[in-house]
Amino acid sequence: MKTKILYLDCSSGMSGDMFVGAMLDLGWPAGRVAETIAEAGIAEECHSHIGKVIRCNISATKFDLY
């Protein structure tokens, strides 16, 4: 089995929503995000939204939890 390593260079900082969006872009299943929110016991209090955005001609996945 090949080991995969991910290095995060957060010299300018990284928020949680930015991290989740980046993981989704890398292929982390969106269903796992919903499972994690449910496991945290906050699914009834929160709503999440996953969508694509383009900023300065760069496409990314935007994750919102509100």
Protein backbone atom coordinates (compact mmCIF):
# COMPACT_ATOMS: atom_id res chain seq x y z
CA MET A 1 0.00 0.00 0.00
CA LYS A 2 1.33 3.39 -0.97
CA THR A 3 1.50 5.98 1.80
CA LYS A 4 0.01 9.38 1.03
CA ILE A 5 1.24 12.46 2.84
CA LEU A 6 -0.39 15.88 2.76
CA TYR A 7 1.61 18.94 3.77
CA LEU A 8 -0.28 22.10 4.67
CA ASP A 9 1.62 25.37 4.47
CA CYS A 10 -0.56 27.67 6.54
CA SER A 11 1.85 30.58 6.89
CA SER A 12 -1.04 32.99 6.27
CA GLY A 13 -3.50 30.93 8.29
CA MET A 14 -6.35 28.64 7.33
CA SER A 15 -9.89 28.61 8.61
CA GLY A 16 -11.94 25.48 9.12
CA ASP A 17 -14.21 26.16 6.16
CA MET A 18 -11.16 26.66 3.93
CA PHE A 19 -9.72 23.36 5.14
CA VAL A 20 -12.95 21.43 4.53
CA GLY A 21 -13.30 23.00 1.05
CA ALA A 22 -9.73 21.99 0.20
CA MET A 23 -10.32 18.42 1.40
CA LEU A 24 -13.48 18.20 -0.72
CA ASP A 25 -11.48 19.38 -3.75
CA LEU A 26 -9.01 16.58 -3.06
CA GLY A 27 -11.80 13.99 -3.14
CA TRP A 28 -12.98 13.72 0.46
CA PRO A 29 -16.61 12.51 0.19
CA ALA A 30 -19.23 15.21 0.87
CA GLY A 31 -21.30 12.59 2.69
CA ARG A 32 -18.53 12.26 5.25
CA VAL A 33 -18.90 15.96 6.07
CA ALA A 34 -22.59 15.42 6.85
CA GLU A 35 -21.74 12.34 8.95
CA THR A 36 -19.17 14.31 10.94
CA ILE A 37 -21.66 17.11 11.61
CA ALA A 38 -24.22 14.52 12.77
CA GLU A 39 -21.63 12.79 14.99
CA ALA A 40 -20.85 16.16 16.60
CA GLY A 41 -24.51 16.41 17.59
CA ILE A 42 -25.09 19.76 15.89
CA ALA A 43 -26.99 18.62 12.79
CA GLU A 44 -30.31 19.93 14.12
CA GLU A 45 -28.85 23.36 14.91
CA CYS A 46 -26.76 23.91 11.76
CA HIS A 47 -27.10 23.92 8.02
CA SER A 48 -24.24 23.28 5.62
CA HIS A 49 -23.74 24.22 2.00
CA ILE A 50 -21.12 22.98 -0.44
CA GLY A 51 -20.69 24.75 -3.77
CA LYS A 52 -18.18 25.87 -6.36
CA VAL A 53 -16.90 29.46 -6.46
CA ILE A 54 -14.54 31.34 -8.75
CA ARG A 55 -12.42 34.13 -7.29
CA CYS A 56 -9.76 35.88 -9.40
CA ASN A 57 -10.20 33.16 -12.06
CA ILE A 58 -9.43 30.41 -9.52
CA SER A 59 -12.06 27.73 -8.97
CA ALA A 60 -12.52 26.25 -5.51
CA THR A 61 -15.02 24.41 -3.36
CA LYS A 62 -16.75 26.64 -0.80
CA PHE A 63 -18.01 25.10 2.41
CA ASP A 64 -20.38 27.01 4.67
CA LEU A 65 -21.73 25.93 8.04
CA TYR A 66 -24.35 28.21 9.52
